Amino acid sequence: MPQLPRATAEQHIKAFQRDGWRVARVTGSHHILSKDGVEFHLTIPSHRGQIVKPGLLKGLLRDAGLTNDEYLELFYGKKRR
């Protein structure tokens, strides 16, 4: 299984936006993402310069219904070999 990228919240938010999620609101340092047709939201803590921990990212992917490979394509913007 490919390793998930270690990156800041801003970079991960951009990847989720490529999948149709949008920033619905920002509450403090948390970005709340929603998607049309989905009844729940994703919450990504955005602390300047800090990376999103792997466990949190795995949970976000599970909630969004994405596999690691699908997410890597969204994150890097192309198919990886």
C-alpha atoms as a PDB file:
ATOM      1  CA  MET A   1       0.000   0.000   0.000  1.00  0.00           C
ATOM      2  CA  PRO A   2       1.464   3.407  -0.937  1.00  0.00           C
ATOM      3  CA  GLN A   3       2.340   5.807   1.843  1.00  0.00           C
ATOM      4  CA  LEU A   4       0.063   8.782   2.325  1.00  0.00           C
ATOM      5  CA  PRO A   5       1.697  12.193   1.894  1.00  0.00           C
ATOM      6  CA  ARG A   6       2.818  14.135   4.939  1.00  0.00           C
ATOM      7  CA  ALA A   7       1.615  17.651   4.241  1.00  0.00           C
ATOM      8  CA  THR A   8      -0.082  20.681   5.737  1.00  0.00           C
ATOM      9  CA  ALA A   9      -3.834  21.034   6.030  1.00  0.00           C
ATOM     10  CA  GLU A  10      -3.925  23.532   3.161  1.00  0.00           C
ATOM     11  CA  GLN A  11      -2.429  20.977   0.771  1.00  0.00           C
ATOM     12  CA  HIS A  12      -4.889  18.299   1.881  1.00  0.00           C
ATOM     13  CA  ILE A  13      -7.833  20.689   1.573  1.00  0.00           C
ATOM     14  CA  LYS A  14      -6.869  21.357  -2.063  1.00  0.00           C
ATOM     15  CA  ALA A  15      -6.859  17.602  -2.729  1.00  0.00           C
ATOM     16  CA  PHE A  16     -10.320  17.175  -1.204  1.00  0.00           C
ATOM     17  CA  GLN A  17     -11.563  20.122  -3.272  1.00  0.00           C
ATOM     18  CA  ARG A  18     -10.498  18.246  -6.424  1.00  0.00           C
ATOM     19  CA  ASP A  19     -12.928  15.516  -5.299  1.00  0.00           C
ATOM     20  CA  GLY A  20     -15.824  17.975  -5.037  1.00  0.00           C
ATOM     21  CA  TRP A  21     -15.567  18.968  -1.380  1.00  0.00           C
ATOM     22  CA  ARG A  22     -15.735  22.681  -0.595  1.00  0.00           C
ATOM     23  CA  VAL A  23     -14.900  24.740   2.452  1.00  0.00           C
ATOM     24  CA  ALA A  24     -18.288  25.469   3.984  1.00  0.00           C
ATOM     25  CA  ARG A  25     -16.919  27.498   6.870  1.00  0.00           C
ATOM     26  CA  VAL A  26     -13.906  28.050   9.078  1.00  0.00           C
ATOM     27  CA  THR A  27     -14.360  27.824  12.815  1.00  0.00           C
ATOM     28  CA  GLY A  28     -11.249  28.896  14.665  1.00  0.00           C
ATOM     29  CA  SER A  29      -8.441  26.852  13.167  1.00  0.00           C
ATOM     30  CA  HIS A  30     -10.725  24.148  11.746  1.00  0.00           C
ATOM     31  CA  HIS A  31     -11.873  24.038   8.132  1.00  0.00           C
ATOM     32  CA  ILE A  32     -15.273  22.390   7.703  1.00  0.00           C
ATOM     33  CA  LEU A  33     -15.683  20.763   4.276  1.00  0.00           C
ATOM     34  CA  SER A  34     -18.997  19.726   2.756  1.00  0.00           C
ATOM     35  CA  LYS A  35     -20.012  18.085  -0.494  1.00  0.00           C
ATOM     36  CA  ASP A  36     -23.286  18.154  -2.411  1.00  0.00           C
ATOM     37  CA  GLY A  37     -25.294  14.993  -1.821  1.00  0.00           C
ATOM     38  CA  VAL A  38     -23.354  14.046   1.324  1.00  0.00           C
ATOM     39  CA  GLU A  39     -25.092  14.386   4.690  1.00  0.00           C
ATOM     40  CA  PHE A  40     -21.958  14.782   6.798  1.00  0.00           C
ATOM     41  CA  HIS A  41     -18.909  17.040   6.762  1.00  0.00           C
ATOM     42  CA  LEU A  42     -15.150  16.660   7.139  1.00  0.00           C
ATOM     43  CA  THR A  43     -13.258  18.703   9.711  1.00  0.00           C
ATOM     44  CA  ILE A  44      -9.590  19.419   9.084  1.00  0.00           C
ATOM     45  CA  PRO A  45      -7.580  21.255  11.751  1.00  0.00           C
ATOM     46  CA  SER A  46      -5.344  23.843  10.136  1.00  0.00           C
ATOM     47  CA  HIS A  47      -2.447  24.894  12.326  1.00  0.00           C
ATOM     48  CA  ARG A  48       0.195  26.934  10.512  1.00  0.00           C
ATOM     49  CA  GLY A  49       3.157  24.879   9.364  1.00  0.00           C
ATOM     50  CA  GLN A  50       2.068  21.640  11.030  1.00  0.00           C
ATOM     51  CA  ILE A  51       1.407  18.479   9.072  1.00  0.00           C
ATOM     52  CA  VAL A  52      -1.835  16.545   9.314  1.00  0.00           C
ATOM     53  CA  LYS A  53      -1.161  13.393  11.324  1.00  0.00           C
ATOM     54  CA  PRO A  54      -1.481  10.085   9.431  1.00  0.00           C
ATOM     55  CA  GLY A  55      -4.252   8.730  11.678  1.00  0.00           C
ATOM     56  CA  LEU A  56      -6.404  11.801  11.109  1.00  0.00           C
ATOM     57  CA  LEU A  57      -5.841  11.649   7.358  1.00  0.00           C
ATOM     58  CA  LYS A  58      -6.775   7.949   7.261  1.00  0.00           C
ATOM     59  CA  GLY A  59      -9.998   8.745   9.120  1.00  0.00           C
ATOM     60  CA  LEU A  60     -10.821  11.571   6.706  1.00  0.00           C
ATOM     61  CA  LEU A  61     -10.259   9.252   3.735  1.00  0.00           C
ATOM     62  CA  ARG A  62     -12.464   6.580   5.298  1.00  0.00           C
ATOM     63  CA  ASP A  63     -15.234   9.114   5.942  1.00  0.00           C
ATOM     64  CA  ALA A  64     -14.932  10.527   2.410  1.00  0.00           C
ATOM     65  CA  GLY A  65     -15.048   7.029   0.906  1.00  0.00           C
ATOM     66  CA  LEU A  66     -11.668   7.314  -0.787  1.00  0.00           C
ATOM     67  CA  THR A  67      -8.954   4.698  -1.103  1.00  0.00           C
ATOM     68  CA  ASN A  68      -5.303   5.590  -0.627  1.00  0.00           C
ATOM     69  CA  ASP A  69      -4.686   5.297  -4.379  1.00  0.00           C
ATOM     70  CA  GLU A  70      -7.656   7.519  -5.245  1.00  0.00           C
ATOM     71  CA  TYR A  71      -6.476  10.108  -2.741  1.00  0.00           C
ATOM     72  CA  LEU A  72      -2.911  10.066  -4.052  1.00  0.00           C
ATOM     73  CA  GLU A  73      -4.245  10.816  -7.546  1.00  0.00           C
ATOM     74  CA  LEU A  74      -6.200  13.759  -6.127  1.00  0.00           C
ATOM     75  CA  PHE A  75      -3.270  14.984  -4.042  1.00  0.00           C
ATOM     76  CA  TYR A  76      -0.687  14.850  -6.803  1.00  0.00           C
ATOM     77  CA  GLY A  77      -3.151  15.742  -9.557  1.00  0.00           C
ATOM     78  CA  LYS A  78      -2.193  12.811 -11.780  1.00  0.00           C
ATOM     79  CA  LYS A  79      -1.868   9.055 -11.812  1.00  0.00           C
ATOM     80  CA  ARG A  80       1.168   7.710  -9.996  1.00  0.00           C
ATOM     81  CA  ARG A  81       3.112   4.755 -11.263  1.00  0.00           C
END
